[in-house]
N, C-alpha and C. Protein backbone atom coordinates (compact mmCIF):
# COMPACT_ATOMS: atom_id res chain seq x y z
N MET A 1 -10.02 3.52 -14.27
CA MET A 1 -9.78 5.03 -14.44
C MET A 1 -9.05 5.11 -15.86
N ASN A 2 -9.38 5.75 -16.44
CA ASN A 2 -9.13 6.25 -17.71
C ASN A 2 -7.73 7.43 -17.74
N TYR A 3 -6.52 6.90 -17.50
CA TYR A 3 -5.46 7.92 -17.06
C TYR A 3 -5.43 8.83 -18.35
N ALA A 4 -5.28 8.46 -19.45
CA ALA A 4 -5.19 9.15 -20.81
C ALA A 4 -6.11 10.39 -20.52
N ALA A 5 -7.43 9.98 -20.26
CA ALA A 5 -8.48 11.43 -20.10
C ALA A 5 -7.92 12.15 -18.99
N LEU A 6 -7.54 11.63 -18.18
CA LEU A 6 -7.40 12.72 -16.84
C LEU A 6 -6.01 13.31 -17.29
N LEU A 7 -5.01 12.88 -18.06
CA LEU A 7 -3.72 13.57 -18.25
C LEU A 7 -4.09 14.64 -19.34
N ALA A 8 -5.14 14.35 -20.06
CA ALA A 8 -5.72 15.50 -21.09
C ALA A 8 -6.39 16.44 -20.37
N VAL A 9 -7.24 16.14 -19.11
CA VAL A 9 -7.89 17.61 -18.28
C VAL A 9 -6.81 18.04 -17.73
N LEU A 10 -5.84 17.32 -17.21
CA LEU A 10 -4.70 17.99 -16.53
C LEU A 10 -3.79 19.19 -17.55
N VAL A 11 -3.48 18.67 -18.72
CA VAL A 11 -2.76 19.44 -19.50
C VAL A 11 -3.83 20.63 -20.04
N VAL A 12 -5.09 20.41 -20.41
CA VAL A 12 -6.03 21.56 -20.61
C VAL A 12 -5.89 22.57 -19.53
N LEU A 13 -6.28 21.98 -18.36
CA LEU A 13 -6.35 23.23 -17.21
C LEU A 13 -4.98 23.85 -16.93
N GLY A 14 -3.74 23.09 -17.11
CA GLY A 14 -2.70 23.62 -16.99
C GLY A 14 -2.49 24.60 -18.24
N LEU A 15 -3.09 24.50 -19.51
CA LEU A 15 -2.59 25.55 -20.24
C LEU A 15 -3.74 26.79 -20.06
N LEU A 16 -5.09 26.41 -19.11
CA LEU A 16 -5.97 27.57 -19.11
C LEU A 16 -5.72 28.39 -17.90
N PHE A 17 -4.79 27.52 -17.13
CA PHE A 17 -4.59 28.40 -15.78
C PHE A 17 -4.25 29.98 -15.81
N PRO A 18 -3.37 30.23 -17.00
CA PRO A 18 -2.99 31.59 -16.88
C PRO A 18 -4.03 32.44 -17.24
N VAL A 19 -4.66 31.85 -18.23
CA VAL A 19 -5.90 32.82 -18.78
C VAL A 19 -7.03 33.01 -17.77
N LEU A 20 -7.29 31.71 -16.96
CA LEU A 20 -8.30 32.00 -16.02
C LEU A 20 -8.10 33.22 -14.85
N VAL A 21 -6.57 33.03 -14.66
CA VAL A 21 -6.08 34.14 -13.38
C VAL A 21 -6.38 35.72 -14.00
N ARG A 22 -5.97 35.73 -15.32
CA ARG A 22 -6.21 36.91 -15.67
C ARG A 22 -7.84 37.21 -15.98
N VAL A 23 -8.51 36.64 -16.08
CA VAL A 23 -9.79 36.58 -16.06
C VAL A 23 -10.27 36.98 -14.44
N ALA A 24 -10.28 36.06 -13.84
CA ALA A 24 -10.18 36.18 -12.38
C ALA A 24 -9.80 37.55 -12.05
N ASN A 25 -8.59 38.21 -12.47
CA ASN A 25 -8.09 39.42 -12.12
C ASN A 25 -8.55 40.56 -12.75
N ALA A 26 -9.15 40.44 -13.66
CA ALA A 26 -9.95 41.58 -14.50
C ALA A 26 -11.25 41.28 -13.66
N ASN A 27 -11.75 40.51 -13.12
CA ASN A 27 -13.36 40.63 -12.33
C ASN A 27 -13.13 41.12 -10.92
N GLY A 28 -11.77 41.17 -10.62
CA GLY A 28 -11.72 41.97 -9.12
C GLY A 28 -11.31 41.20 -8.26
N ILE A 29 -10.70 39.66 -8.49
CA ILE A 29 -10.38 38.76 -7.52
C ILE A 29 -8.49 38.98 -7.87
N PRO A 30 -7.93 39.00 -6.58
CA PRO A 30 -6.32 39.46 -6.55
C PRO A 30 -5.96 38.23 -7.33
N GLN A 31 -4.80 38.15 -7.76
CA GLN A 31 -3.91 37.24 -8.53
C GLN A 31 -3.48 36.12 -7.58
N ALA A 32 -3.18 36.80 -6.11
CA ALA A 32 -2.42 35.89 -5.46
C ALA A 32 -3.80 34.82 -4.80
N SER A 33 -4.79 35.41 -4.67
CA SER A 33 -6.03 34.59 -4.46
C SER A 33 -6.26 33.41 -5.47
N SER A 34 -6.17 33.96 -6.70
CA SER A 34 -6.26 32.86 -7.70
C SER A 34 -5.44 31.52 -7.65
N ILE A 35 -4.17 32.03 -7.39
CA ILE A 35 -2.90 31.11 -7.57
C ILE A 35 -2.87 30.34 -6.10
N LEU A 36 -3.48 30.94 -5.10
CA LEU A 36 -3.39 30.24 -3.75
C LEU A 36 -4.86 29.31 -3.92
N GLY A 37 -5.80 29.47 -4.39
CA GLY A 37 -7.17 28.82 -4.61
C GLY A 37 -6.61 27.45 -5.64
N ALA A 38 -5.62 27.97 -6.45
CA ALA A 38 -5.38 26.59 -7.51
C ALA A 38 -4.23 25.80 -6.65
N ALA A 39 -3.54 26.29 -5.86
CA ALA A 39 -2.40 25.41 -5.35
C ALA A 39 -3.39 24.69 -4.23
N PHE A 40 -4.38 25.09 -3.62
CA PHE A 40 -5.49 24.28 -2.79
C PHE A 40 -5.78 23.27 -3.50
N GLY A 41 -6.44 23.48 -4.57
CA GLY A 41 -7.20 22.53 -5.54
C GLY A 41 -6.13 21.40 -5.81
N ALA A 42 -4.84 21.68 -6.17
CA ALA A 42 -3.77 20.94 -6.61
C ALA A 42 -3.43 20.03 -5.33
N VAL A 43 -3.42 20.41 -4.37
CA VAL A 43 -3.05 19.66 -3.10
C VAL A 43 -4.18 18.46 -2.71
N ALA A 44 -5.45 19.25 -2.90
CA ALA A 44 -6.60 18.20 -2.71
C ALA A 44 -6.40 16.95 -3.94
N VAL A 45 -6.23 17.20 -4.96
CA VAL A 45 -6.27 16.29 -6.06
C VAL A 45 -5.19 15.23 -5.70
N VAL A 46 -3.94 15.87 -5.55
CA VAL A 46 -2.63 15.03 -5.01
C VAL A 46 -2.95 13.84 -3.88
N ALA A 47 -3.71 14.64 -2.82
CA ALA A 47 -3.78 13.95 -1.90
C ALA A 47 -4.83 12.78 -2.00
N TRP A 48 -6.09 13.08 -2.80
CA TRP A 48 -7.09 12.49 -3.19
C TRP A 48 -6.35 10.97 -3.90
N PHE A 49 -5.63 11.24 -4.89
CA PHE A 49 -4.72 10.00 -5.42
C PHE A 49 -4.02 9.37 -4.59
N VAL A 50 -3.06 9.85 -3.69
CA VAL A 50 -2.26 9.38 -2.65
C VAL A 50 -3.28 8.31 -1.79
N ILE A 51 -4.05 8.86 -1.14
CA ILE A 51 -4.89 7.88 -0.40
C ILE A 51 -5.68 6.94 -1.24
N ARG A 52 -6.17 7.25 -2.69
CA ARG A 52 -6.83 6.28 -3.51
C ARG A 52 -5.82 4.97 -3.65
N GLU A 53 -4.69 5.39 -3.99
CA GLU A 53 -3.70 4.36 -3.83
C GLU A 53 -3.46 3.51 -2.98
N ARG A 54 -3.33 4.33 -1.71
CA ARG A 54 -3.14 3.35 -0.29
C ARG A 54 -4.08 2.39 0.01
N VAL A 55 -5.44 3.04 -0.32
CA VAL A 55 -6.48 1.97 -0.04
C VAL A 55 -6.72 0.89 -1.11
N LYS A 56 -5.90 1.20 -2.23
CA LYS A 56 -6.24 0.01 -3.40
C LYS A 56 -4.97 -0.79 -3.00
N ARG A 57 -3.79 -0.53 -2.56
CA ARG A 57 -2.94 -1.39 -2.15
C ARG A 57 -3.41 -2.08 -0.61
N TYR A 58 -3.98 -1.58 0.34
CA TYR A 58 -4.33 -2.20 1.63
C TYR A 58 -5.29 -3.38 0.91
N ARG A 59 -6.40 -3.14 0.33
CA ARG A 59 -7.30 -4.14 -0.23
C ARG A 59 -6.62 -5.17 -1.07
N GLU A 60 -5.87 -4.85 -1.88
CA GLU A 60 -5.19 -6.05 -2.49
C GLU A 60 -4.35 -6.92 -1.50
N THR A 61 -3.67 -6.08 -0.49
CA THR A 61 -3.05 -6.88 0.45
C THR A 61 -3.75 -7.82 1.15
N GLN A 62 -4.96 -7.30 1.79
CA GLN A 62 -5.97 -8.12 2.49
C GLN A 62 -6.66 -9.29 1.61
N GLU A 63 -6.82 -8.91 -0.03
CA GLU A 63 -7.22 -10.25 -0.62
C GLU A 63 -6.17 -11.28 -0.61
N LYS A 64 -4.98 -10.84 -0.85
CA LYS A 64 -3.93 -11.79 -0.91
C LYS A 64 -3.66 -12.58 0.70
N ILE A 65 -4.15 -11.78 1.70
CA ILE A 65 -3.60 -12.40 2.94
C ILE A 65 -5.11 -13.77 3.07
N GLU A 66 -6.11 -13.38 2.64
CA GLU A 66 -7.33 -14.02 2.75
C GLU A 66 -7.12 -15.09 1.92
N THR A 67 -6.52 -15.11 0.74
CA THR A 67 -6.32 -16.25 -0.33
C THR A 67 -5.27 -17.16 0.33
N ILE A 68 -4.36 -16.59 0.82
CA ILE A 68 -3.10 -17.34 1.30
C ILE A 68 -3.76 -18.14 2.68
N LYS A 69 -4.26 -17.49 3.21
CA LYS A 69 -4.99 -18.25 4.38
C LYS A 69 -5.76 -19.55 4.23
N ALA A 70 -6.53 -19.39 3.04
CA ALA A 70 -7.47 -20.22 2.77
C ALA A 70 -6.45 -21.44 2.34
N ASN A 71 -5.61 -21.33 1.72
CA ASN A 71 -4.53 -22.24 0.95
C ASN A 71 -4.10 -22.72 2.25
N VAL A 72 -3.50 -22.10 3.16
CA VAL A 72 -2.67 -22.89 4.56
C VAL A 72 -4.16 -23.46 5.28
N VAL A 73 -5.03 -23.31 5.13
CA VAL A 73 -6.15 -24.12 5.83
C VAL A 73 -6.28 -25.60 4.85
N LEU A 74 -6.39 -25.83 3.62
CA LEU A 74 -6.18 -26.69 3.02
C LEU A 74 -4.96 -27.54 3.21
N LEU A 75 -3.76 -27.03 2.76
CA LEU A 75 -2.47 -27.60 2.95
C LEU A 75 -1.67 -27.04 4.21
N PRO A 76 -1.82 -27.26 5.42
CA PRO A 76 -1.02 -26.61 6.60
C PRO A 76 0.27 -26.84 6.26
N ASN A 77 1.04 -28.04 6.16
CA ASN A 77 2.35 -28.47 6.06
C ASN A 77 3.18 -28.42 4.72
N ASP A 78 2.44 -27.70 4.04
CA ASP A 78 2.86 -27.21 2.55
C ASP A 78 3.52 -25.85 2.33
N PHE A 79 4.78 -25.95 2.40
CA PHE A 79 5.43 -24.50 2.50
C PHE A 79 4.85 -23.58 1.22
N SER A 80 4.38 -24.34 0.35
CA SER A 80 4.41 -23.41 -1.14
C SER A 80 2.90 -22.93 -0.73
N SER A 81 2.25 -23.34 0.29
CA SER A 81 0.80 -22.86 0.54
C SER A 81 0.66 -21.34 1.27
N TYR A 82 1.75 -20.88 1.79
CA TYR A 82 2.26 -20.03 2.26
C TYR A 82 2.52 -18.71 1.51
N LEU A 83 2.81 -19.12 0.23
CA LEU A 83 3.08 -17.84 -0.97
C LEU A 83 2.05 -17.82 -1.96
N LEU A 84 2.23 -16.69 -2.41
CA LEU A 84 1.12 -16.19 -3.40
C LEU A 84 1.90 -15.20 -4.22
N GLU A 85 2.18 -15.19 -5.55
CA GLU A 85 2.77 -14.26 -6.31
C GLU A 85 4.06 -14.03 -5.79
N ASN A 86 4.78 -15.07 -5.22
CA ASN A 86 6.40 -14.63 -4.45
C ASN A 86 6.05 -13.74 -3.27
N GLU A 87 5.00 -13.51 -2.77
CA GLU A 87 4.90 -13.18 -1.59
C GLU A 87 4.34 -13.86 -0.33
N PHE A 88 5.14 -13.71 0.87
CA PHE A 88 4.95 -14.80 1.87
C PHE A 88 3.76 -14.27 2.66
N LEU A 89 2.95 -14.94 3.32
CA LEU A 89 1.75 -14.77 4.36
C LEU A 89 2.14 -13.83 5.41
N GLY A 90 3.56 -14.15 6.14
CA GLY A 90 4.04 -13.42 7.11
C GLY A 90 4.38 -11.83 7.00
N ASP A 91 4.83 -11.99 5.52
CA ASP A 91 5.41 -10.57 4.99
C ASP A 91 4.13 -9.57 4.97
N LEU A 92 3.30 -10.30 4.34
CA LEU A 92 1.96 -9.41 4.11
C LEU A 92 1.48 -8.89 5.40
N LEU A 93 1.36 -9.86 6.49
CA LEU A 93 0.90 -9.43 7.66
C LEU A 93 1.50 -8.21 8.24
N VAL A 94 2.84 -8.36 8.45
CA VAL A 94 3.55 -7.24 8.78
C VAL A 94 3.19 -6.12 8.06
N ARG A 95 3.22 -6.28 6.89
CA ARG A 95 2.70 -4.90 5.81
C ARG A 95 1.33 -4.31 6.48
N ALA A 96 0.59 -5.13 6.75
CA ALA A 96 -1.06 -4.96 7.26
C ALA A 96 -0.77 -4.28 8.61
N ASN A 97 0.21 -4.65 9.21
CA ASN A 97 0.57 -4.28 10.89
C ASN A 97 -0.49 -5.23 11.68
N ARG A 98 -0.18 -6.46 11.18
CA ARG A 98 -0.83 -7.56 11.73
C ARG A 98 0.20 -8.63 12.42
N ARG A 99 0.98 -7.65 13.54
CA ARG A 99 2.35 -8.37 13.73
C ARG A 99 2.06 -9.38 14.76
N ARG A 100 1.32 -9.76 15.27
CA ARG A 100 1.13 -10.79 16.14
C ARG A 100 0.50 -12.19 15.38
N GLU A 101 -0.14 -11.92 14.24
CA GLU A 101 -0.42 -13.14 13.43
C GLU A 101 0.83 -13.56 12.61
N ALA A 102 1.53 -12.60 12.17
CA ALA A 102 2.58 -12.65 11.50
C ALA A 102 3.91 -13.47 12.32
N ILE A 103 3.65 -13.40 13.82
CA ILE A 103 4.56 -14.00 14.26
C ILE A 103 4.17 -15.54 14.59
N GLU A 104 2.92 -15.58 14.52
CA GLU A 104 2.64 -17.27 14.26
C GLU A 104 2.63 -17.89 13.28
N VAL A 105 2.61 -16.96 11.89
CA VAL A 105 2.73 -17.83 10.86
C VAL A 105 4.22 -18.05 10.53
N PHE A 106 4.99 -17.21 11.03
CA PHE A 106 6.40 -17.35 10.78
C PHE A 106 7.17 -18.42 11.80
N GLU A 107 6.26 -18.46 13.02
CA GLU A 107 7.21 -19.73 13.90
C GLU A 107 6.55 -21.08 13.10
N ARG A 108 5.13 -21.11 12.73
CA ARG A 108 5.11 -22.14 11.87
C ARG A 108 5.66 -22.76 10.65
N PHE A 109 5.86 -21.79 9.83
CA PHE A 109 6.82 -21.75 8.82
C PHE A 109 8.28 -22.29 9.04
N VAL A 110 8.83 -21.98 10.28
CA VAL A 110 10.02 -22.41 10.91
C VAL A 110 9.92 -23.96 11.22
N LEU A 111 9.13 -24.11 11.73
CA LEU A 111 8.89 -25.64 12.03
C LEU A 111 8.88 -26.49 10.55
N ILE A 112 8.04 -25.88 9.62
CA ILE A 112 8.03 -26.62 8.48
C ILE A 112 9.27 -26.57 7.51
N GLU A 113 10.07 -25.65 7.62
CA GLU A 113 11.46 -25.55 7.03
C GLU A 113 12.07 -26.38 7.89
N LYS A 114 12.44 -26.46 8.96
CA LYS A 114 13.17 -27.37 9.86
C LYS A 114 12.97 -28.82 9.36
N LYS A 115 11.54 -29.10 9.27
CA LYS A 115 11.05 -30.54 8.69
C LYS A 115 11.95 -30.95 7.50
N ARG A 116 11.82 -29.75 6.79
CA ARG A 116 12.49 -29.96 5.10
C ARG A 116 13.82 -29.85 5.09
N GLY A 117 14.50 -29.53 6.35
CA GLY A 117 16.13 -29.66 6.62
C GLY A 117 16.87 -28.16 6.12
N GLN A 118 16.08 -27.19 5.85
CA GLN A 118 16.42 -25.78 5.48
C GLN A 118 16.78 -24.93 6.81
N ASN A 119 18.10 -24.15 6.15
CA ASN A 119 18.47 -23.31 7.34
C ASN A 119 17.24 -22.30 7.91
N THR A 120 17.13 -22.21 9.02
CA THR A 120 15.86 -21.21 9.41
C THR A 120 16.56 -20.13 10.37
N GLU A 121 17.79 -19.89 10.06
CA GLU A 121 18.18 -18.47 10.88
C GLU A 121 17.80 -17.32 10.65
N LYS A 122 17.27 -16.98 9.39
CA LYS A 122 16.98 -15.56 9.18
C LYS A 122 15.69 -15.59 9.67
N LEU A 123 14.64 -16.58 9.46
CA LEU A 123 13.11 -16.60 9.82
C LEU A 123 13.09 -16.61 11.44
N GLU A 124 14.08 -17.29 12.19
CA GLU A 124 14.03 -16.94 13.60
C GLU A 124 14.64 -15.47 14.00
N ARG A 125 15.50 -14.65 13.15
CA ARG A 125 15.78 -13.36 13.48
C ARG A 125 14.56 -12.70 13.39
N ILE A 126 13.84 -12.90 12.23
CA ILE A 126 12.72 -12.09 11.93
C ILE A 126 11.77 -12.23 13.44
N VAL A 127 11.59 -13.52 13.70
CA VAL A 127 10.62 -13.49 14.61
C VAL A 127 11.01 -12.77 15.84
N SER A 128 12.08 -13.16 16.12
CA SER A 128 12.51 -12.43 17.36
C SER A 128 12.63 -10.76 17.12
N ARG A 129 12.82 -10.45 16.05
CA ARG A 129 12.66 -8.81 15.83
C ARG A 129 11.23 -8.65 15.64
N LEU A 130 10.22 -9.04 15.48
CA LEU A 130 8.78 -8.94 15.40
C LEU A 130 8.35 -8.86 17.02
N LYS A 131 8.95 -9.86 17.96
CA LYS A 131 8.50 -9.92 19.08
C LYS A 131 8.98 -8.62 19.93
N GLU A 132 10.22 -8.21 19.48
CA GLU A 132 10.94 -7.06 20.48
C GLU A 132 10.09 -5.81 19.88
N ASP A 133 9.28 -5.68 18.55
CA ASP A 133 8.70 -4.51 18.16
C ASP A 133 7.53 -4.61 19.03
N ILE A 134 7.00 -5.61 19.12
CA ILE A 134 5.28 -5.98 20.17
C ILE A 134 5.64 -5.49 21.45
N LEU A 135 6.87 -5.85 22.08
CA LEU A 135 7.05 -5.53 23.50
C LEU A 135 7.56 -3.99 23.62
N GLU A 136 7.70 -3.27 22.67
CA GLU A 136 8.25 -1.79 22.77
C GLU A 136 7.04 -0.78 22.52
């Protein structure tokens, strides 16, 4: 999307709004109705942008999950296969509201980290917290 063009259109509409309200008022449309219509239009545009961004983030998260899962299938015991762009598969699954899968991933990762001799307290707390969330 060309954000410069969008910004230009919004600026032009913002500058034309008072003129459009006066023209509508001269043609018998009350000023309050014009302002109310513009407000509804603005809310619709903002909602469209917010929904579009959320869908974009959701799709990116799903793509990352699938990429990391493919890496895990290739190297299941390598801790770095669970990461992509400094994002952990379990965290991405939690963000996508796939908590059961996230628990499985965190539990597998705890085993990998124990084999490497790393401290796993934080990961174990995350697993227990996720399990509690599922039970509620």
